[in-house]
Amino acid sequence: MNNSGPAVVVENLVKRFGTFVAVNHVSFEARRGEIFGFLGPNGAGKSTTIRILCGLLSPTEGGARVSGFDVATQPEAVRQTIGYMSQKFSLYNDLRVIENLRFFAGMYSVSARSLSERIQWALEMAGLSDHQRDITGILPGGWKQRLSLGCALLHRPSILFLDEPTAGVDPITRRQFWDLIHQLAEGGTTVFVTTHYMDEAEYCHRLALINRGKIVALGTPAELKRGSMPGELVLLECEPLAAALGLLRATPGLLDAAVFGSVLHLNVPRAKEAIPLLRKLLLQSGIAVTRIEQIQPTLEDVFVSLAGTHAEAAKEES
């Protein structure tokens, strides 16, 4: 295993299924000991990319190296150095907790000398020391996710791939799961995680935003919020909301308008100049304005803006 250089290197990666392009000329690197987030909507190409990096799918074009191993020509070597947790619960529901751990220890060739210590570590990490005799299928969803993580880490992988690891779990369990991820990264493990939860992206050291198989932005959460979005952002609280949205989307000079809960987020070239003009336009149209002010963009704002720009560019190319 190569312990120098980036943990993951992806170069011009393409994956086609017939005429459908799931991954479209993707390139990036993930550093050792960092939490690298792959953020995008369902169907964006996240899971396909992660399956290629785990040696489960062959690329159509381009290539990738994981811990120095080529994913196309050395998939078995890749699988021996990584831990992988899929977005669907992949343990055996009819086995006891301890039996699942023993089974996966065997799959990962954990030595007999360290078997007991590794299983005990996984039970404590997952908070399941008092439930090791429980049938896996009756465990709450969050406990199952922690057990899956423990199984993926039994062989001390240097890189951990997590594909939508918190899908379907409650907010408290999600936060606890991310606490575990940060502990792993602090211990030197590279964690590559896919998610479509924008708030989870804030926990990552760096992010790649992917849409329709292409990376549309790459950087730290702060970098993406600071420099990836054209114009400035204005929050508008008004009534009726739908009428305001329709009016503003037809207003020249407005870069974008989107609903965020009970308010609108407006992308304008310069907020200081736009706010009095927008207030006047709305009031003249019979729309009551409760609040209108400049705000800092969230990652969701950035992604919506970049995804829209990418979609418009794709239309023009076609």
C-alpha atoms as a PDB file:
ATOM      1  CA  MET A   1       0.000   0.000   0.000  1.00  0.00           C
ATOM      2  CA  ASN A   2       1.256   3.460  -0.907  1.00  0.00           C
ATOM      3  CA  ASN A   3       1.250   5.692   2.185  1.00  0.00           C
ATOM      4  CA  SER A   4       2.527   8.784   0.392  1.00  0.00           C
ATOM      5  CA  GLY A   5       0.568  11.115  -1.849  1.00  0.00           C
ATOM      6  CA  PRO A   6      -3.209  11.504  -2.032  1.00  0.00           C
ATOM      7  CA  ALA A   7      -5.461   8.719  -0.740  1.00  0.00           C
ATOM      8  CA  VAL A   8      -7.699   8.870  -3.825  1.00  0.00           C
ATOM      9  CA  VAL A   9      -6.818  10.176  -7.289  1.00  0.00           C
ATOM     10  CA  VAL A  10      -9.508  10.359  -9.980  1.00  0.00           C
ATOM     11  CA  GLU A  11      -8.587  11.405 -13.507  1.00  0.00           C
ATOM     12  CA  ASN A  12     -11.120  12.089 -16.240  1.00  0.00           C
ATOM     13  CA  LEU A  13     -13.400   9.303 -15.021  1.00  0.00           C
ATOM     14  CA  VAL A  14     -16.330   8.286 -17.235  1.00  0.00           C
ATOM     15  CA  LYS A  15     -18.970   5.614 -16.672  1.00  0.00           C
ATOM     16  CA  ARG A  16     -21.620   4.845 -19.275  1.00  0.00           C
ATOM     17  CA  PHE A  17     -24.541   2.461 -19.061  1.00  0.00           C
ATOM     18  CA  GLY A  18     -25.551   2.082 -22.690  1.00  0.00           C
ATOM     19  CA  THR A  19     -26.186   5.610 -23.927  1.00  0.00           C
ATOM     20  CA  PHE A  20     -26.618   7.018 -20.410  1.00  0.00           C
ATOM     21  CA  VAL A  21     -23.574   8.828 -19.000  1.00  0.00           C
ATOM     22  CA  ALA A  22     -23.664   8.413 -15.204  1.00  0.00           C
ATOM     23  CA  VAL A  23     -20.205   9.870 -14.547  1.00  0.00           C
ATOM     24  CA  ASN A  24     -18.978  12.472 -17.021  1.00  0.00           C
ATOM     25  CA  HIS A  25     -15.216  13.236 -17.074  1.00  0.00           C
ATOM     26  CA  VAL A  26     -14.775  13.624 -13.309  1.00  0.00           C
ATOM     27  CA  SER A  27     -11.380  14.505 -11.794  1.00  0.00           C
ATOM     28  CA  PHE A  28     -10.412  15.187  -8.150  1.00  0.00           C
ATOM     29  CA  GLU A  29      -8.124  14.083  -5.316  1.00  0.00           C
ATOM     30  CA  ALA A  30      -8.884  13.194  -1.693  1.00  0.00           C
ATOM     31  CA  ARG A  31      -6.120  13.766   0.830  1.00  0.00           C
ATOM     32  CA  ARG A  32      -5.077  11.389   3.572  1.00  0.00           C
ATOM     33  CA  GLY A  33      -6.857  11.944   6.881  1.00  0.00           C
ATOM     34  CA  GLU A  34      -9.533  14.266   5.477  1.00  0.00           C
ATOM     35  CA  ILE A  35     -13.290  13.988   5.283  1.00  0.00           C
ATOM     36  CA  PHE A  36     -14.042  14.401   1.588  1.00  0.00           C
ATOM     37  CA  GLY A  37     -17.694  14.981   0.767  1.00  0.00           C
ATOM     38  CA  PHE A  38     -19.397  14.116  -2.496  1.00  0.00           C
ATOM     39  CA  LEU A  39     -22.532  16.244  -2.509  1.00  0.00           C
ATOM     40  CA  GLY A  40     -25.409  16.156  -4.962  1.00  0.00           C
ATOM     41  CA  PRO A  41     -29.038  15.165  -5.577  1.00  0.00           C
ATOM     42  CA  ASN A  42     -30.211  11.608  -6.117  1.00  0.00           C
ATOM     43  CA  GLY A  43     -29.137  10.392  -9.559  1.00  0.00           C
ATOM     44  CA  ALA A  44     -26.201  12.813  -9.799  1.00  0.00           C
ATOM     45  CA  GLY A  45     -23.574  10.059 -10.109  1.00  0.00           C
ATOM     46  CA  LYS A  46     -22.387   9.855  -6.484  1.00  0.00           C
ATOM     47  CA  SER A  47     -23.023   6.157  -5.862  1.00  0.00           C
ATOM     48  CA  THR A  48     -21.708   5.132  -9.275  1.00  0.00           C
ATOM     49  CA  THR A  49     -18.447   6.973  -8.603  1.00  0.00           C
ATOM     50  CA  ILE A  50     -18.034   5.435  -5.159  1.00  0.00           C
ATOM     51  CA  ARG A  51     -18.677   1.927  -6.512  1.00  0.00           C
ATOM     52  CA  ILE A  52     -15.941   2.454  -9.099  1.00  0.00           C
ATOM     53  CA  LEU A  53     -13.545   3.651  -6.387  1.00  0.00           C
ATOM     54  CA  CYS A  54     -14.338   0.552  -4.324  1.00  0.00           C
ATOM     55  CA  GLY A  55     -13.489  -1.741  -7.228  1.00  0.00           C
ATOM     56  CA  LEU A  56     -17.099  -2.841  -7.688  1.00  0.00           C
ATOM     57  CA  LEU A  57     -17.568  -1.277 -11.149  1.00  0.00           C
ATOM     58  CA  SER A  58     -15.116  -0.802 -14.013  1.00  0.00           C
ATOM     59  CA  PRO A  59     -14.741   2.689 -15.522  1.00  0.00           C
ATOM     60  CA  THR A  60     -15.651   3.201 -19.166  1.00  0.00           C
ATOM     61  CA  GLU A  61     -12.911   5.796 -19.654  1.00  0.00           C
ATOM     62  CA  GLY A  62     -10.300   7.508 -17.510  1.00  0.00           C
ATOM     63  CA  GLY A  63      -9.054   6.005 -14.287  1.00  0.00           C
ATOM     64  CA  ALA A  64      -8.678   6.170 -10.544  1.00  0.00           C
ATOM     65  CA  ARG A  65      -6.197   5.047  -7.904  1.00  0.00           C
ATOM     66  CA  VAL A  66      -7.081   4.270  -4.301  1.00  0.00           C
ATOM     67  CA  SER A  67      -4.169   3.921  -1.856  1.00  0.00           C
ATOM     68  CA  GLY A  68      -1.964   3.706  -4.926  1.00  0.00           C
ATOM     69  CA  PHE A  69      -3.893   0.790  -6.457  1.00  0.00           C
ATOM     70  CA  ASP A  70      -5.569   1.024  -9.864  1.00  0.00           C
ATOM     71  CA  VAL A  71      -9.321   0.408  -9.475  1.00  0.00           C
ATOM     72  CA  ALA A  72      -9.597  -1.179 -12.938  1.00  0.00           C
ATOM     73  CA  THR A  73      -6.601  -3.544 -12.830  1.00  0.00           C
ATOM     74  CA  GLN A  74      -6.188  -4.100  -9.072  1.00  0.00           C
ATOM     75  CA  PRO A  75      -9.741  -4.196  -7.664  1.00  0.00           C
ATOM     76  CA  GLU A  76      -8.948  -6.938  -5.120  1.00  0.00           C
ATOM     77  CA  ALA A  77      -6.022  -4.949  -3.724  1.00  0.00           C
ATOM     78  CA  VAL A  78      -8.292  -1.903  -3.461  1.00  0.00           C
ATOM     79  CA  ARG A  79     -10.936  -3.842  -1.554  1.00  0.00           C
ATOM     80  CA  GLN A  80      -8.370  -5.100   0.975  1.00  0.00           C
ATOM     81  CA  THR A  81      -7.332  -1.560   1.911  1.00  0.00           C
ATOM     82  CA  ILE A  82     -10.747   0.087   2.205  1.00  0.00           C
ATOM     83  CA  GLY A  83     -13.876  -0.096   4.289  1.00  0.00           C
ATOM     84  CA  TYR A  84     -17.204   0.309   2.499  1.00  0.00           C
ATOM     85  CA  MET A  85     -20.643   1.034   3.872  1.00  0.00           C
ATOM     86  CA  SER A  86     -23.418   1.120   1.288  1.00  0.00           C
ATOM     87  CA  GLN A  87     -26.514   3.291   1.431  1.00  0.00           C
ATOM     88  CA  LYS A  88     -28.673   0.180   1.856  1.00  0.00           C
ATOM     89  CA  PHE A  89     -28.315  -1.815   5.058  1.00  0.00           C
ATOM     90  CA  SER A  90     -26.090  -4.717   4.016  1.00  0.00           C
ATOM     91  CA  LEU A  91     -25.771  -6.838   7.155  1.00  0.00           C
ATOM     92  CA  TYR A  92     -27.654 -10.062   7.837  1.00  0.00           C
ATOM     93  CA  ASN A  93     -30.854  -9.369   9.750  1.00  0.00           C
ATOM     94  CA  ASP A  94     -31.296 -12.967  10.944  1.00  0.00           C
ATOM     95  CA  LEU A  95     -27.856 -13.072  12.595  1.00  0.00           C
ATOM     96  CA  ARG A  96     -27.011 -11.753  16.038  1.00  0.00           C
ATOM     97  CA  VAL A  97     -24.869  -8.607  16.350  1.00  0.00           C
ATOM     98  CA  ILE A  98     -21.811 -10.634  17.375  1.00  0.00           C
ATOM     99  CA  GLU A  99     -22.366 -13.084  14.512  1.00  0.00           C
ATOM    100  CA  ASN A 100     -22.403 -10.296  11.931  1.00  0.00           C
ATOM    101  CA  LEU A 101     -19.144  -8.956  13.348  1.00  0.00           C
ATOM    102  CA  ARG A 102     -17.515 -12.391  13.232  1.00  0.00           C
ATOM    103  CA  PHE A 103     -18.715 -12.967   9.695  1.00  0.00           C
ATOM    104  CA  PHE A 104     -17.334  -9.675   8.385  1.00  0.00           C
ATOM    105  CA  ALA A 105     -14.093 -10.177  10.302  1.00  0.00           C
ATOM    106  CA  GLY A 106     -13.682 -13.359   8.314  1.00  0.00           C
ATOM    107  CA  MET A 107     -14.555 -11.603   5.059  1.00  0.00           C
ATOM    108  CA  TYR A 108     -11.887  -8.989   5.765  1.00  0.00           C
ATOM    109  CA  SER A 109      -9.319 -11.621   6.859  1.00  0.00           C
ATOM    110  CA  VAL A 110      -8.898 -10.199  10.354  1.00  0.00           C
ATOM    111  CA  SER A 111      -6.220 -12.310  12.050  1.00  0.00           C
ATOM    112  CA  ALA A 112      -7.181 -14.689  14.851  1.00  0.00           C
ATOM    113  CA  ARG A 113      -4.715 -12.877  17.124  1.00  0.00           C
ATOM    114  CA  SER A 114      -6.542  -9.531  16.827  1.00  0.00           C
ATOM    115  CA  LEU A 115     -10.070 -10.836  16.284  1.00  0.00           C
ATOM    116  CA  SER A 116     -11.291 -10.477  19.884  1.00  0.00           C
ATOM    117  CA  GLU A 117      -9.798  -6.999  20.282  1.00  0.00           C
ATOM    118  CA  ARG A 118     -11.260  -5.724  17.008  1.00  0.00           C
ATOM    119  CA  ILE A 119     -14.754  -7.067  17.744  1.00  0.00           C
ATOM    120  CA  GLN A 120     -14.673  -5.563  21.233  1.00  0.00           C
ATOM    121  CA  TRP A 121     -13.562  -2.229  19.732  1.00  0.00           C
ATOM    122  CA  ALA A 122     -16.413  -2.305  17.175  1.00  0.00           C
ATOM    123  CA  LEU A 123     -19.000  -3.094  19.856  1.00  0.00           C
ATOM    124  CA  GLU A 124     -17.821  -0.218  22.046  1.00  0.00           C
ATOM    125  CA  MET A 125     -17.594   2.202  19.122  1.00  0.00           C
ATOM    126  CA  ALA A 126     -21.131   1.319  18.040  1.00  0.00           C
ATOM    127  CA  GLY A 127     -22.495   1.437  21.600  1.00  0.00           C
ATOM    128  CA  LEU A 128     -23.648  -2.189  21.322  1.00  0.00           C
ATOM    129  CA  SER A 129     -21.577  -3.915  24.000  1.00  0.00           C
ATOM    130  CA  ASP A 130     -24.746  -4.753  25.946  1.00  0.00           C
ATOM    131  CA  HIS A 131     -26.605  -5.882  22.799  1.00  0.00           C
ATOM    132  CA  GLN A 132     -24.170  -8.250  21.125  1.00  0.00           C
ATOM    133  CA  ARG A 133     -26.579 -11.184  21.488  1.00  0.00           C
ATOM    134  CA  ASP A 134     -29.517  -9.262  19.989  1.00  0.00           C
ATOM    135  CA  ILE A 135     -30.884 -10.287  16.604  1.00  0.00           C
ATOM    136  CA  THR A 136     -29.698  -7.622  14.128  1.00  0.00           C
ATOM    137  CA  GLY A 137     -33.078  -7.305  12.433  1.00  0.00           C
ATOM    138  CA  ILE A 138     -34.799  -5.967  15.552  1.00  0.00           C
ATOM    139  CA  LEU A 139     -32.285  -3.164  16.171  1.00  0.00           C
ATOM    140  CA  PRO A 140     -33.369   0.483  15.662  1.00  0.00           C
ATOM    141  CA  GLY A 141     -32.161   2.062  12.415  1.00  0.00           C
ATOM    142  CA  GLY A 142     -29.440   4.152  14.030  1.00  0.00           C
ATOM    143  CA  TRP A 143     -28.001   1.125  15.845  1.00  0.00           C
ATOM    144  CA  LYS A 144     -27.911  -0.807  12.579  1.00  0.00           C
ATOM    145  CA  GLN A 145     -25.978   2.014  10.934  1.00  0.00           C
ATOM    146  CA  ARG A 146     -23.408   2.029  13.740  1.00  0.00           C
ATOM    147  CA  LEU A 147     -23.086  -1.746  13.463  1.00  0.00           C
ATOM    148  CA  SER A 148     -22.528  -1.419   9.710  1.00  0.00           C
ATOM    149  CA  LEU A 149     -19.798   1.126  10.384  1.00  0.00           C
ATOM    150  CA  GLY A 150     -18.173  -1.191  12.928  1.00  0.00           C
ATOM    151  CA  CYS A 151     -18.156  -4.060  10.435  1.00  0.00           C
ATOM    152  CA  ALA A 152     -16.575  -1.825   7.765  1.00  0.00           C
ATOM    153  CA  LEU A 153     -13.770  -0.853  10.159  1.00  0.00           C
ATOM    154  CA  LEU A 154     -12.849  -4.241  11.607  1.00  0.00           C
ATOM    155  CA  HIS A 155      -9.712  -4.603   9.456  1.00  0.00           C
ATOM    156  CA  ARG A 156      -8.444  -1.052  10.169  1.00  0.00           C
ATOM    157  CA  PRO A 157      -8.817   0.308   6.618  1.00  0.00           C
ATOM    158  CA  SER A 158      -6.880   3.444   5.727  1.00  0.00           C
ATOM    159  CA  ILE A 159      -9.782   4.720   3.608  1.00  0.00           C
ATOM    160  CA  LEU A 160     -13.467   4.480   4.498  1.00  0.00           C
ATOM    161  CA  PHE A 161     -16.161   4.904   1.854  1.00  0.00           C
ATOM    162  CA  LEU A 162     -19.598   5.834   3.175  1.00  0.00           C
ATOM    163  CA  ASP A 163     -22.433   5.951   0.652  1.00  0.00           C
ATOM    164  CA  GLU A 164     -25.357   7.978   2.053  1.00  0.00           C
ATOM    165  CA  PRO A 165     -24.559   6.667   5.569  1.00  0.00           C
ATOM    166  CA  THR A 166     -27.283   8.595   7.423  1.00  0.00           C
ATOM    167  CA  ALA A 167     -30.176   8.186   4.993  1.00  0.00           C
ATOM    168  CA  GLY A 168     -33.375   7.505   6.911  1.00  0.00           C
ATOM    169  CA  VAL A 169     -32.029   8.070  10.442  1.00  0.00           C
ATOM    170  CA  ASP A 170     -33.155  10.727  12.905  1.00  0.00           C
ATOM    171  CA  PRO A 171     -31.250  14.034  13.370  1.00  0.00           C
ATOM    172  CA  ILE A 172     -29.713  13.077  16.735  1.00  0.00           C
ATOM    173  CA  THR A 173     -28.389   9.791  15.346  1.00  0.00           C
ATOM    174  CA  ARG A 174     -27.060  11.618  12.301  1.00  0.00           C
ATOM    175  CA  ARG A 175     -25.062  13.987  14.494  1.00  0.00           C
ATOM    176  CA  GLN A 176     -23.708  11.109  16.604  1.00  0.00           C
ATOM    177  CA  PHE A 177     -22.678   9.325  13.421  1.00  0.00           C
ATOM    178  CA  TRP A 178     -20.778  12.398  12.240  1.00  0.00           C
ATOM    179  CA  ASP A 179     -19.025  12.620  15.601  1.00  0.00           C
ATOM    180  CA  LEU A 180     -17.727   9.109  14.927  1.00  0.00           C
ATOM    181  CA  ILE A 181     -16.615  10.116  11.424  1.00  0.00           C
ATOM    182  CA  HIS A 182     -14.608  13.039  12.812  1.00  0.00           C
ATOM    183  CA  GLN A 183     -12.958  10.793  15.392  1.00  0.00           C
ATOM    184  CA  LEU A 184     -11.879   8.447  12.602  1.00  0.00           C
ATOM    185  CA  ALA A 185     -10.448  11.303  10.530  1.00  0.00           C
ATOM    186  CA  GLU A 186      -8.572  12.665  13.529  1.00  0.00           C
ATOM    187  CA  GLY A 187      -7.024   9.201  13.870  1.00  0.00           C
ATOM    188  CA  GLY A 188      -5.707   9.373  10.295  1.00  0.00           C
ATOM    189  CA  THR A 189      -8.460   7.584   8.353  1.00  0.00           C
ATOM    190  CA  THR A 190      -9.504   9.143   5.063  1.00  0.00           C
ATOM    191  CA  VAL A 191     -13.309   9.273   4.963  1.00  0.00           C
ATOM    192  CA  PHE A 192     -14.998   9.609   1.571  1.00  0.00           C
ATOM    193  CA  VAL A 193     -18.702  10.253   2.093  1.00  0.00           C
ATOM    194  CA  THR A 194     -21.591  10.820  -0.301  1.00  0.00           C
ATOM    195  CA  THR A 195     -24.648  12.739   0.832  1.00  0.00           C
ATOM    196  CA  HIS A 196     -27.549  14.813  -0.444  1.00  0.00           C
ATOM    197  CA  TYR A 197     -28.047  16.499   2.945  1.00  0.00           C
ATOM    198  CA  MET A 198     -26.732  20.044   2.619  1.00  0.00           C
ATOM    199  CA  ASP A 199     -26.286  20.496   6.375  1.00  0.00           C
ATOM    200  CA  GLU A 200     -24.057  17.403   6.532  1.00  0.00           C
ATOM    201  CA  ALA A 201     -21.775  18.895   3.917  1.00  0.00           C
ATOM    202  CA  GLU A 202     -20.708  21.501   6.491  1.00  0.00           C
ATOM    203  CA  TYR A 203     -19.018  18.719   8.477  1.00  0.00           C
ATOM    204  CA  CYS A 204     -16.649  17.852   5.599  1.00  0.00           C
ATOM    205  CA  HIS A 205     -13.144  19.257   5.206  1.00  0.00           C
ATOM    206  CA  ARG A 206     -13.610  19.571   1.441  1.00  0.00           C
ATOM    207  CA  LEU A 207     -16.498  19.026  -0.956  1.00  0.00           C
ATOM    208  CA  ALA A 208     -17.097  18.148  -4.564  1.00  0.00           C
ATOM    209  CA  LEU A 209     -20.512  19.281  -5.774  1.00  0.00           C
ATOM    210  CA  ILE A 210     -21.746  16.925  -8.497  1.00  0.00           C
ATOM    211  CA  ASN A 211     -24.750  17.361 -10.779  1.00  0.00           C
ATOM    212  CA  ARG A 212     -25.759  15.247 -13.785  1.00  0.00           C
ATOM    213  CA  GLY A 213     -22.503  13.334 -13.604  1.00  0.00           C
ATOM    214  CA  LYS A 214     -20.227  16.391 -13.603  1.00  0.00           C
ATOM    215  CA  ILE A 215     -18.374  18.163 -10.809  1.00  0.00           C
ATOM    216  CA  VAL A 216     -19.614  21.763 -10.756  1.00  0.00           C
ATOM    217  CA  ALA A 217     -17.496  23.014  -7.825  1.00  0.00           C
ATOM    218  CA  LEU A 218     -14.736  21.806  -5.518  1.00  0.00           C
ATOM    219  CA  GLY A 219     -13.359  23.300  -2.288  1.00  0.00           C
ATOM    220  CA  THR A 220     -13.905  23.736   1.434  1.00  0.00           C
ATOM    221  CA  PRO A 221     -17.431  24.655   2.576  1.00  0.00           C
ATOM    222  CA  ALA A 222     -16.225  28.211   3.306  1.00  0.00           C
ATOM    223  CA  GLU A 223     -14.562  28.540  -0.109  1.00  0.00           C
ATOM    224  CA  LEU A 224     -17.667  27.346  -1.921  1.00  0.00           C
ATOM    225  CA  LYS A 225     -19.952  29.745  -0.063  1.00  0.00           C
ATOM    226  CA  ARG A 226     -17.560  32.616  -0.572  1.00  0.00           C
ATOM    227  CA  GLY A 227     -16.569  32.296  -4.199  1.00  0.00           C
ATOM    228  CA  SER A 228     -18.718  29.860  -6.160  1.00  0.00           C
ATOM    229  CA  MET A 229     -21.958  31.821  -6.432  1.00  0.00           C
ATOM    230  CA  PRO A 230     -22.415  34.747  -8.810  1.00  0.00           C
ATOM    231  CA  GLY A 231     -23.944  37.918  -7.423  1.00  0.00           C
ATOM    232  CA  GLU A 232     -25.165  38.487  -3.862  1.00  0.00           C
ATOM    233  CA  LEU A 233     -27.989  36.948  -1.868  1.00  0.00           C
ATOM    234  CA  VAL A 234     -31.105  38.674  -0.522  1.00  0.00           C
ATOM    235  CA  LEU A 235     -33.648  37.146   1.857  1.00  0.00           C
ATOM    236  CA  LEU A 236     -37.259  38.148   1.242  1.00  0.00           C
ATOM    237  CA  GLU A 237     -40.117  37.470   3.639  1.00  0.00           C
ATOM    238  CA  CYS A 238     -43.441  38.500   2.126  1.00  0.00           C
ATOM    239  CA  GLU A 239     -47.080  37.603   1.520  1.00  0.00           C
ATOM    240  CA  PRO A 240     -48.307  36.060  -0.741  1.00  0.00           C
ATOM    241  CA  LEU A 241     -45.123  34.115  -1.411  1.00  0.00           C
ATOM    242  CA  ALA A 242     -46.178  32.395  -4.649  1.00  0.00           C
ATOM    243  CA  ALA A 243     -47.229  35.673  -6.282  1.00  0.00           C
ATOM    244  CA  ALA A 244     -43.917  37.275  -5.321  1.00  0.00           C
ATOM    245  CA  LEU A 245     -41.961  34.346  -6.749  1.00  0.00           C
ATOM    246  CA  GLY A 246     -43.763  34.555 -10.081  1.00  0.00           C
ATOM    247  CA  LEU A 247     -43.294  38.315 -10.277  1.00  0.00           C
ATOM    248  CA  LEU A 248     -39.603  38.236  -9.414  1.00  0.00           C
ATOM    249  CA  ARG A 249     -38.725  35.412 -11.775  1.00  0.00           C
ATOM    250  CA  ALA A 250     -40.082  37.589 -14.591  1.00  0.00           C
ATOM    251  CA  THR A 251     -38.096  40.636 -13.417  1.00  0.00           C
ATOM    252  CA  PRO A 252     -35.110  41.593 -15.623  1.00  0.00           C
ATOM    253  CA  GLY A 253     -31.757  41.704 -13.859  1.00  0.00           C
ATOM    254  CA  LEU A 254     -32.611  39.142 -11.187  1.00  0.00           C
ATOM    255  CA  LEU A 255     -30.182  36.216 -11.425  1.00  0.00           C
ATOM    256  CA  ASP A 256     -32.352  33.688  -9.577  1.00  0.00           C
ATOM    257  CA  ALA A 257     -35.231  33.318  -7.119  1.00  0.00           C
ATOM    258  CA  ALA A 258     -35.952  30.210  -5.059  1.00  0.00           C
ATOM    259  CA  VAL A 259     -38.195  29.198  -2.159  1.00  0.00           C
ATOM    260  CA  PHE A 260     -36.411  28.354   1.114  1.00  0.00           C
ATOM    261  CA  GLY A 261     -39.044  27.284   3.628  1.00  0.00           C
ATOM    262  CA  SER A 262     -41.337  30.271   4.227  1.00  0.00           C
ATOM    263  CA  VAL A 263     -39.060  32.848   2.563  1.00  0.00           C
ATOM    264  CA  LEU A 264     -37.449  33.550  -0.810  1.00  0.00           C
ATOM    265  CA  HIS A 265     -33.746  33.704  -1.567  1.00  0.00           C
ATOM    266  CA  LEU A 266     -32.960  36.126  -4.380  1.00  0.00           C
ATOM    267  CA  ASN A 267     -29.681  36.189  -6.265  1.00  0.00           C
ATOM    268  CA  VAL A 268     -28.966  39.731  -7.451  1.00  0.00           C
ATOM    269  CA  PRO A 269     -25.880  41.452  -8.940  1.00  0.00           C
ATOM    270  CA  ARG A 270     -25.603  43.980  -6.060  1.00  0.00           C
ATOM    271  CA  ALA A 271     -27.795  43.668  -2.975  1.00  0.00           C
ATOM    272  CA  LYS A 272     -27.470  47.285  -1.777  1.00  0.00           C
ATOM    273  CA  GLU A 273     -28.853  48.626  -5.051  1.00  0.00           C
ATOM    274  CA  ALA A 274     -31.434  45.870  -5.586  1.00  0.00           C
ATOM    275  CA  ILE A 275     -33.175  45.904  -2.208  1.00  0.00           C
ATOM    276  CA  PRO A 276     -34.960  49.311  -2.477  1.00  0.00           C
ATOM    277  CA  LEU A 277     -35.966  48.593  -6.086  1.00  0.00           C
ATOM    278  CA  LEU A 278     -37.346  45.165  -5.195  1.00  0.00           C
ATOM    279  CA  ARG A 279     -39.235  46.542  -2.195  1.00  0.00           C
ATOM    280  CA  LYS A 280     -40.868  49.202  -4.383  1.00  0.00           C
ATOM    281  CA  LEU A 281     -41.776  46.682  -7.095  1.00  0.00           C
ATOM    282  CA  LEU A 282     -43.371  44.298  -4.624  1.00  0.00           C
ATOM    283  CA  LEU A 283     -45.377  46.974  -2.802  1.00  0.00           C
ATOM    284  CA  GLN A 284     -46.656  48.368  -6.111  1.00  0.00           C
ATOM    285  CA  SER A 285     -47.856  44.859  -6.964  1.00  0.00           C
ATOM    286  CA  GLY A 286     -49.808  44.523  -3.719  1.00  0.00           C
ATOM    287  CA  ILE A 287     -47.311  42.193  -2.019  1.00  0.00           C
ATOM    288  CA  ALA A 288     -46.669  42.889   1.673  1.00  0.00           C
ATOM    289  CA  VAL A 289     -42.970  42.834   2.529  1.00  0.00           C
ATOM    290  CA  THR A 290     -42.149  41.788   6.107  1.00  0.00           C
ATOM    291  CA  ARG A 291     -38.383  41.568   5.732  1.00  0.00           C
ATOM    292  CA  ILE A 292     -35.839  42.064   2.955  1.00  0.00           C
ATOM    293  CA  GLU A 293     -32.108  42.027   3.640  1.00  0.00           C
ATOM    294  CA  GLN A 294     -28.775  40.770   2.374  1.00  0.00           C
ATOM    295  CA  ILE A 295     -27.618  37.414   3.810  1.00  0.00           C
ATOM    296  CA  GLN A 296     -24.661  35.100   3.370  1.00  0.00           C
ATOM    297  CA  PRO A 297     -25.304  32.103   1.088  1.00  0.00           C
ATOM    298  CA  THR A 298     -25.629  28.575   2.426  1.00  0.00           C
ATOM    299  CA  LEU A 299     -24.255  25.529   0.631  1.00  0.00           C
ATOM    300  CA  GLU A 300     -27.778  24.847  -0.575  1.00  0.00           C
ATOM    301  CA  ASP A 301     -27.888  28.317  -2.172  1.00  0.00           C
ATOM    302  CA  VAL A 302     -24.545  27.649  -3.838  1.00  0.00           C
ATOM    303  CA  PHE A 303     -25.597  24.259  -5.126  1.00  0.00           C
ATOM    304  CA  VAL A 304     -28.950  25.460  -6.486  1.00  0.00           C
ATOM    305  CA  SER A 305     -27.199  28.321  -8.283  1.00  0.00           C
ATOM    306  CA  LEU A 306     -24.442  26.149  -9.753  1.00  0.00           C
ATOM    307  CA  ALA A 307     -26.838  23.374 -10.749  1.00  0.00           C
ATOM    308  CA  GLY A 308     -29.033  25.889 -12.560  1.00  0.00           C
ATOM    309  CA  THR A 309     -26.048  27.381 -14.372  1.00  0.00           C
ATOM    310  CA  HIS A 310     -24.861  23.907 -15.367  1.00  0.00           C
ATOM    311  CA  ALA A 311     -28.324  22.967 -16.656  1.00  0.00           C
ATOM    312  CA  GLU A 312     -28.514  26.122 -18.789  1.00  0.00           C
ATOM    313  CA  ALA A 313     -25.059  25.417 -20.232  1.00  0.00           C
ATOM    314  CA  ALA A 314     -26.080  21.848 -21.053  1.00  0.00           C
ATOM    315  CA  LYS A 315     -29.158  23.133 -22.914  1.00  0.00           C
ATOM    316  CA  GLU A 316     -27.044  25.515 -24.957  1.00  0.00           C
ATOM    317  CA  GLU A 317     -24.574  22.753 -25.854  1.00  0.00           C
ATOM    318  CA  SER A 318     -27.385  20.485 -27.024  1.00  0.00           C
END
